[in-house]
Amino acid sequence: MAEPILVADIGGTNARFALIEINESGQLIQRDANRFRAEDFETVRDAAAAYIETVGDKPKRACFAAAGPISDEGVEFTNSHWRLTHDEIHSALKLDQFLIVNDFFALAAGTAHLKAGETIEVKPGVGDASTPTLVIGPGTGLGQALIVPTPGGSHIVSTEGGHVSFAPRTEEEIAVMQFIAREHPRVSVERLLSGRGLVNIHRALCVIADTPRVALQADEISAAALDQSYPIAMQAVEVFCSVLGRVAGDAVLSTGARAGVLLGGGILPKIQEIFLNSSFVEKFLDKGRMRDYVEPVPISLITSDGVALYGAAAALLMENGH
């Protein structure tokens, strides 16, 4: 096998590292995956060095996928104290080659390496393979990318679609937006469709219901909704899924991504049971006279958390012309 590639998927909360090897058939093989919490390390460099210590290998090539827009200097994370700079990692890890890509670029690139059983059908559809595929999903933020078919193969375009303005439709959604607008004058969809967004929805619903707020983090809201122990948590998750359906449908309309929608991110697999029984699909289709445009679009949920790691390796290989 060729020398392993160090890969990372760095979000606002966690950083996942792994080594990717390429076998004689050209397949990507992942090994030694490990997860580190951002709050436990002062810098990305420290987390990467800790990972390398655990595996004992000293790879010469690396690609890190990061949750934020990429500049020449690196990445200023939208939802984390970390900052990722090309020169710092390249030098500290003594790499011959180092690449930084957007996390949803990596997720989109990794979808070509999905294995059987790593997706669940959310909505069937024939799709239109001549158009883009939308990759979208909530985690620490709301990521979005497009896989665009071209005569030379697929071309991936990462976007900042999570920062488009939220457009509420119901009285409840308007009230939630007004609550969030007290703290954030411009309410983007990420203010609702993310870990913090779920907390924002829950806080807003407590105020709307004039109920004393139980201070819960996103994972606690999800857990309370799953075991049906707290009605407002259940309501918050339903609003979350409903808004996501509408936003995903709007993204298909605005990008023409009728080949399909792939849902990623860290939240949906954790609330899978609720999500699959929510009004997500109903709201996705609720496009008035444009319903026929989105109705043929198939939707799947990615259940594997290692797809972006494969995608990071694939991005590095693309950079090298493979």
Protein backbone atom coordinates (compact mmCIF):
# COMPACT_ATOMS: atom_id res chain seq x y z
CA MET A 1 0.00 0.00 0.00
CA ALA A 2 1.02 3.60 -0.57
CA GLU A 3 2.09 5.72 2.37
CA PRO A 4 -0.97 6.68 4.46
CA ILE A 5 -2.61 10.11 4.23
CA LEU A 6 -3.44 11.92 7.46
CA VAL A 7 -7.00 13.25 7.29
CA ALA A 8 -9.15 15.27 9.64
CA ASP A 9 -12.74 16.49 9.78
CA ILE A 10 -12.72 19.54 12.05
CA GLY A 11 -15.98 21.03 13.22
CA GLY A 12 -16.83 23.56 15.86
CA THR A 13 -17.14 20.92 18.60
CA ASN A 14 -15.03 17.91 17.59
CA ALA A 15 -12.10 17.01 15.39
CA ARG A 16 -11.95 13.53 13.91
CA PHE A 17 -8.64 12.19 12.63
CA ALA A 18 -7.76 9.04 10.70
CA LEU A 19 -5.21 7.55 8.37
CA ILE A 20 -6.28 6.65 4.83
CA GLU A 21 -4.39 4.05 2.85
CA ILE A 22 -4.79 3.28 -0.85
CA ASN A 23 -4.75 -0.42 -1.72
CA GLU A 24 -3.56 -1.96 -4.98
CA SER A 25 -7.06 -1.66 -6.45
CA GLY A 26 -7.15 2.07 -5.76
CA GLN A 27 -9.65 1.73 -2.90
CA LEU A 28 -9.39 4.03 0.10
CA ILE A 29 -9.00 2.16 3.39
CA GLN A 30 -9.56 4.03 6.64
CA ARG A 31 -7.83 3.05 9.88
CA ASP A 32 -7.11 4.35 13.39
CA ALA A 33 -9.98 6.84 13.48
CA ASN A 34 -10.14 8.90 16.67
CA ARG A 35 -12.15 11.85 17.91
CA PHE A 36 -10.94 14.82 19.98
CA ARG A 37 -12.97 17.61 21.57
CA ALA A 38 -12.01 21.14 20.55
CA GLU A 39 -12.37 22.37 24.11
CA ASP A 40 -9.60 19.98 25.24
CA PHE A 41 -6.92 21.51 23.00
CA GLU A 42 -5.76 25.07 22.57
CA THR A 43 -4.99 24.65 18.86
CA VAL A 44 -5.64 22.33 15.93
CA ARG A 45 -1.90 21.68 15.86
CA ASP A 46 -2.02 20.33 19.41
CA ALA A 47 -4.91 18.00 18.59
CA ALA A 48 -3.18 16.75 15.42
CA ALA A 49 0.07 16.13 17.30
CA ALA A 50 -1.82 14.21 19.99
CA TYR A 51 -3.43 12.04 17.33
CA ILE A 52 -0.11 11.27 15.64
CA GLU A 53 1.32 10.23 19.01
CA THR A 54 -1.50 7.70 19.44
CA VAL A 55 -0.93 5.99 16.07
CA GLY A 56 2.85 6.14 15.92
CA ASP A 57 2.92 6.90 12.18
CA LYS A 58 4.44 10.07 10.75
CA PRO A 59 2.57 10.71 7.52
CA LYS A 60 4.04 13.07 4.93
CA ARG A 61 0.75 14.07 3.32
CA ALA A 62 -2.37 15.44 4.97
CA CYS A 63 -5.72 17.02 4.19
CA PHE A 64 -7.89 18.67 6.83
CA ALA A 65 -11.57 19.42 6.21
CA ALA A 66 -12.70 22.44 8.20
CA ALA A 67 -16.09 23.94 9.06
CA GLY A 68 -15.75 27.39 7.56
CA PRO A 69 -14.82 29.36 4.46
CA ILE A 70 -11.27 28.70 3.25
CA SER A 71 -8.87 31.57 2.54
CA ASP A 72 -5.19 31.66 1.55
CA GLU A 73 -4.27 31.94 5.24
CA GLY A 74 -6.49 29.11 6.40
CA VAL A 75 -9.77 28.96 8.30
CA GLU A 76 -11.37 31.14 10.96
CA PHE A 77 -13.93 28.75 12.41
CA THR A 78 -17.43 30.17 12.60
CA ASN A 79 -18.33 28.20 15.73
CA SER A 80 -15.04 27.50 17.51
CA HIS A 81 -12.10 29.22 19.20
CA TRP A 82 -9.72 27.31 16.93
CA ARG A 83 -7.94 28.81 13.94
CA LEU A 84 -6.41 26.61 11.26
CA THR A 85 -3.48 27.97 9.27
CA HIS A 86 -1.73 26.19 6.43
CA ASP A 87 1.84 27.15 7.32
CA GLU A 88 1.51 26.23 11.01
CA ILE A 89 0.31 22.68 10.35
CA HIS A 90 2.63 22.13 7.38
CA SER A 91 5.64 23.11 9.47
CA ALA A 92 4.67 21.59 12.84
CA LEU A 93 3.88 18.16 11.37
CA LYS A 94 6.83 18.25 8.92
CA LEU A 95 4.58 17.51 5.95
CA ASP A 96 5.58 17.35 2.29
CA GLN A 97 2.04 18.29 1.25
CA PHE A 98 -0.85 19.81 3.19
CA LEU A 99 -4.29 20.81 1.92
CA ILE A 100 -7.25 22.46 3.65
CA VAL A 101 -10.76 22.03 2.25
CA ASN A 102 -14.24 22.99 3.40
CA ASP A 103 -15.88 20.26 5.49
CA PHE A 104 -18.86 19.93 3.18
CA PHE A 105 -16.57 19.83 0.17
CA ALA A 106 -14.99 16.80 1.85
CA LEU A 107 -18.37 15.28 2.70
CA ALA A 108 -19.48 15.70 -0.91
CA ALA A 109 -16.22 14.18 -2.18
CA GLY A 110 -16.62 11.31 0.26
CA THR A 111 -20.08 10.35 -0.98
CA ALA A 112 -18.44 8.56 -3.92
CA HIS A 113 -17.02 6.15 -1.32
CA LEU A 114 -20.27 5.42 0.52
CA LYS A 115 -20.78 1.73 1.22
CA ALA A 116 -23.97 -0.30 1.38
CA GLY A 117 -25.84 0.42 4.59
CA GLU A 118 -24.31 3.87 5.11
CA THR A 119 -27.41 5.72 3.88
CA ILE A 120 -31.13 5.50 4.61
CA GLU A 121 -33.80 6.49 2.12
CA VAL A 122 -35.83 9.44 3.36
CA LYS A 123 -37.81 10.06 0.18
CA PRO A 124 -37.82 8.05 -3.06
CA GLY A 125 -37.53 9.74 -6.43
CA VAL A 126 -36.25 9.25 -9.96
CA GLY A 127 -34.15 12.45 -9.90
CA ASP A 128 -32.38 14.01 -12.87
CA ALA A 129 -28.78 12.85 -13.14
CA SER A 130 -27.90 15.72 -15.50
CA THR A 131 -28.32 18.21 -12.63
CA PRO A 132 -26.37 18.75 -9.37
CA THR A 133 -26.74 16.76 -6.16
CA LEU A 134 -27.24 18.80 -3.00
CA VAL A 135 -25.28 17.79 0.12
CA ILE A 136 -26.64 19.60 3.17
CA GLY A 137 -26.78 19.01 6.89
CA PRO A 138 -26.86 20.49 10.40
CA GLY A 139 -24.09 20.02 12.93
CA THR A 140 -22.24 22.72 14.81
CA GLY A 141 -23.29 24.82 11.80
CA LEU A 142 -25.35 24.19 8.66
CA GLY A 143 -23.14 22.96 5.84
CA GLN A 144 -23.96 22.85 2.16
CA ALA A 145 -22.21 21.79 -1.06
CA LEU A 146 -23.10 20.80 -4.61
CA ILE A 147 -21.86 17.88 -6.68
CA VAL A 148 -22.07 19.12 -10.26
CA PRO A 149 -21.87 16.66 -13.17
CA THR A 150 -19.51 17.68 -15.98
CA PRO A 151 -18.18 15.88 -19.08
CA GLY A 152 -14.87 15.45 -17.23
CA GLY A 153 -16.43 14.04 -14.07
CA SER A 154 -18.06 15.46 -10.97
CA HIS A 155 -17.09 18.95 -9.81
CA ILE A 156 -17.73 19.91 -6.18
CA VAL A 157 -18.72 23.41 -5.16
CA SER A 158 -18.77 24.20 -1.43
CA THR A 159 -21.13 27.00 -0.43
CA GLU A 160 -22.13 29.05 2.59
CA GLY A 161 -25.80 28.32 2.07
CA GLY A 162 -26.30 27.93 5.81
CA HIS A 163 -26.04 31.70 6.12
CA VAL A 164 -28.98 32.62 3.89
CA SER A 165 -31.77 34.50 5.67
CA PHE A 166 -34.42 32.51 7.50
CA ALA A 167 -37.88 32.94 5.99
CA PRO A 168 -40.54 31.82 8.52
CA ARG A 169 -43.89 30.62 7.24
CA THR A 170 -46.01 29.89 10.34
CA GLU A 171 -46.94 32.05 13.32
CA GLU A 172 -44.80 29.78 15.50
CA GLU A 173 -41.78 30.21 13.22
CA ILE A 174 -42.29 33.98 13.15
CA ALA A 175 -42.33 34.04 16.95
CA VAL A 176 -39.15 31.92 17.05
CA MET A 177 -37.45 34.27 14.59
CA GLN A 178 -38.48 37.32 16.62
CA PHE A 179 -36.99 35.73 19.73
CA ILE A 180 -33.68 34.99 18.00
CA ALA A 181 -33.65 38.48 16.42
CA ARG A 182 -33.36 40.00 19.89
CA GLU A 183 -29.84 38.59 20.06
CA HIS A 184 -28.98 38.40 16.34
CA PRO A 185 -30.50 41.17 14.20
CA ARG A 186 -29.93 39.11 11.04
CA VAL A 187 -31.42 35.65 11.52
CA SER A 188 -29.83 33.12 9.18
CA VAL A 189 -31.11 29.57 8.80
CA GLU A 190 -28.03 28.38 10.73
CA ARG A 191 -29.40 30.22 13.78
CA LEU A 192 -32.06 27.46 13.82
CA LEU A 193 -30.46 24.57 11.95
CA SER A 194 -27.41 23.71 14.04
CA GLY A 195 -26.65 22.50 17.54
CA ARG A 196 -26.95 26.03 18.90
CA GLY A 197 -29.94 26.52 16.64
CA LEU A 198 -31.81 23.68 18.34
CA VAL A 199 -31.05 25.37 21.66
CA ASN A 200 -32.36 28.66 20.23
CA ILE A 201 -35.59 26.99 19.11
CA HIS A 202 -36.05 25.37 22.52
CA ARG A 203 -35.42 28.66 24.35
CA ALA A 204 -37.87 30.45 22.08
CA LEU A 205 -40.61 27.86 22.54
CA CYS A 206 -40.27 28.09 26.33
CA VAL A 207 -40.82 31.85 26.16
CA ILE A 208 -43.70 31.50 23.69
CA ALA A 209 -45.38 28.94 25.99
CA ASP A 210 -44.62 31.09 29.05
CA THR A 211 -42.99 28.05 30.62
CA PRO A 212 -39.96 28.18 32.92
CA ARG A 213 -36.99 27.25 30.73
CA VAL A 214 -35.01 24.14 31.55
CA ALA A 215 -31.44 24.92 30.47
CA LEU A 216 -30.57 22.10 28.07
CA GLN A 217 -27.80 21.62 25.53
CA ALA A 218 -28.58 20.33 22.04
CA ASP A 219 -27.81 16.68 22.85
CA GLU A 220 -29.96 16.89 25.98
CA ILE A 221 -32.87 18.34 23.99
CA SER A 222 -32.50 15.51 21.47
CA ALA A 223 -32.38 12.88 24.24
CA ALA A 224 -35.46 14.32 25.96
CA ALA A 225 -37.32 14.32 22.65
CA LEU A 226 -36.30 10.73 21.89
CA ASP A 227 -37.53 9.37 25.22
CA GLN A 228 -40.59 11.66 25.08
CA SER A 229 -39.90 12.92 28.59
CA TYR A 230 -40.24 16.62 27.84
CA PRO A 231 -42.96 17.92 25.46
CA ILE A 232 -41.22 21.21 24.58
CA ALA A 233 -38.08 19.30 23.60
CA MET A 234 -40.22 17.15 21.31
CA GLN A 235 -41.76 20.29 19.85
CA ALA A 236 -38.33 21.89 19.36
CA VAL A 237 -37.03 18.88 17.40
CA GLU A 238 -40.15 18.84 15.24
CA VAL A 239 -39.73 22.55 14.42
CA PHE A 240 -36.07 21.85 13.65
CA CYS A 241 -36.96 19.06 11.19
CA SER A 242 -39.76 21.10 9.64
CA VAL A 243 -37.54 24.11 8.99
CA LEU A 244 -34.80 21.87 7.60
CA GLY A 245 -37.27 20.39 5.10
CA ARG A 246 -38.28 23.82 3.90
CA VAL A 247 -34.66 25.03 3.67
CA ALA A 248 -33.55 21.92 1.76
CA GLY A 249 -36.42 22.35 -0.69
CA ASP A 250 -35.54 26.01 -1.18
CA ALA A 251 -31.91 25.03 -1.83
CA VAL A 252 -33.04 22.63 -4.56
CA LEU A 253 -35.09 25.41 -6.15
CA SER A 254 -32.22 27.90 -6.04
CA THR A 255 -29.51 25.52 -7.31
CA GLY A 256 -31.41 23.19 -9.60
CA ALA A 257 -30.06 20.20 -7.66
CA ARG A 258 -32.64 17.68 -8.85
CA ALA A 259 -30.30 14.67 -9.00
CA GLY A 260 -30.87 14.17 -5.29
CA VAL A 261 -30.33 15.44 -1.77
CA LEU A 262 -27.86 13.83 0.62
CA LEU A 263 -28.33 14.81 4.25
CA GLY A 264 -25.22 14.86 6.43
CA GLY A 265 -24.01 16.54 9.60
CA GLY A 266 -23.80 15.25 13.12
CA ILE A 267 -27.34 15.88 14.36
CA LEU A 268 -29.72 13.92 12.13
CA PRO A 269 -28.29 10.42 12.77
CA LYS A 270 -28.77 11.03 16.51
CA ILE A 271 -32.47 11.89 16.07
CA GLN A 272 -33.02 9.50 13.19
CA GLU A 273 -36.23 7.94 14.51
CA ILE A 274 -37.90 11.32 15.10
CA PHE A 275 -36.54 12.78 11.88
CA LEU A 276 -37.89 9.98 9.68
CA ASN A 277 -41.35 10.46 11.22
CA SER A 278 -41.27 14.26 11.13
CA SER A 279 -42.80 16.70 8.66
CA PHE A 280 -39.44 17.11 6.87
CA VAL A 281 -40.61 15.62 3.56
CA GLU A 282 -43.95 17.42 3.72
CA LYS A 283 -42.20 20.77 4.13
CA PHE A 284 -39.60 19.89 1.48
CA LEU A 285 -42.47 19.43 -1.00
CA ASP A 286 -44.47 22.46 0.15
CA LYS A 287 -43.42 24.72 -2.73
CA GLY A 288 -46.80 25.79 -4.08
CA ARG A 289 -46.75 25.92 -7.87
CA MET A 290 -43.15 24.59 -7.86
CA ARG A 291 -44.05 21.35 -6.07
CA ASP A 292 -43.74 19.39 -9.33
CA TYR A 293 -40.16 20.65 -9.66
CA VAL A 294 -39.01 19.17 -6.33
CA GLU A 295 -41.28 16.11 -6.16
CA PRO A 296 -39.03 13.79 -8.26
CA VAL A 297 -35.95 14.54 -6.12
CA PRO A 298 -34.74 11.55 -4.05
CA ILE A 299 -33.45 12.21 -0.53
CA SER A 300 -31.13 10.03 1.57
CA LEU A 301 -29.65 10.38 5.04
CA ILE A 302 -25.95 9.60 5.49
CA THR A 303 -25.57 7.55 8.66
CA SER A 304 -21.79 6.99 8.62
CA ASP A 305 -19.62 9.58 10.39
CA GLY A 306 -16.47 8.77 8.41
CA VAL A 307 -17.51 9.95 4.95
CA ALA A 308 -15.78 13.34 5.14
CA LEU A 309 -12.53 11.62 6.12
CA TYR A 310 -12.61 9.62 2.89
CA GLY A 311 -13.49 12.85 1.12
CA ALA A 312 -10.47 14.65 2.55
CA ALA A 313 -8.19 11.95 1.14
CA ALA A 314 -10.05 12.08 -2.17
CA ALA A 315 -9.57 15.87 -2.27
CA LEU A 316 -5.83 15.47 -1.83
CA LEU A 317 -5.71 12.89 -4.60
CA MET A 318 -7.74 15.24 -6.86
CA GLU A 319 -5.21 17.97 -6.13
CA ASN A 320 -2.49 15.62 -7.35
CA GLY A 321 -4.40 14.78 -10.51
CA HIS A 322 -5.55 11.30 -9.49
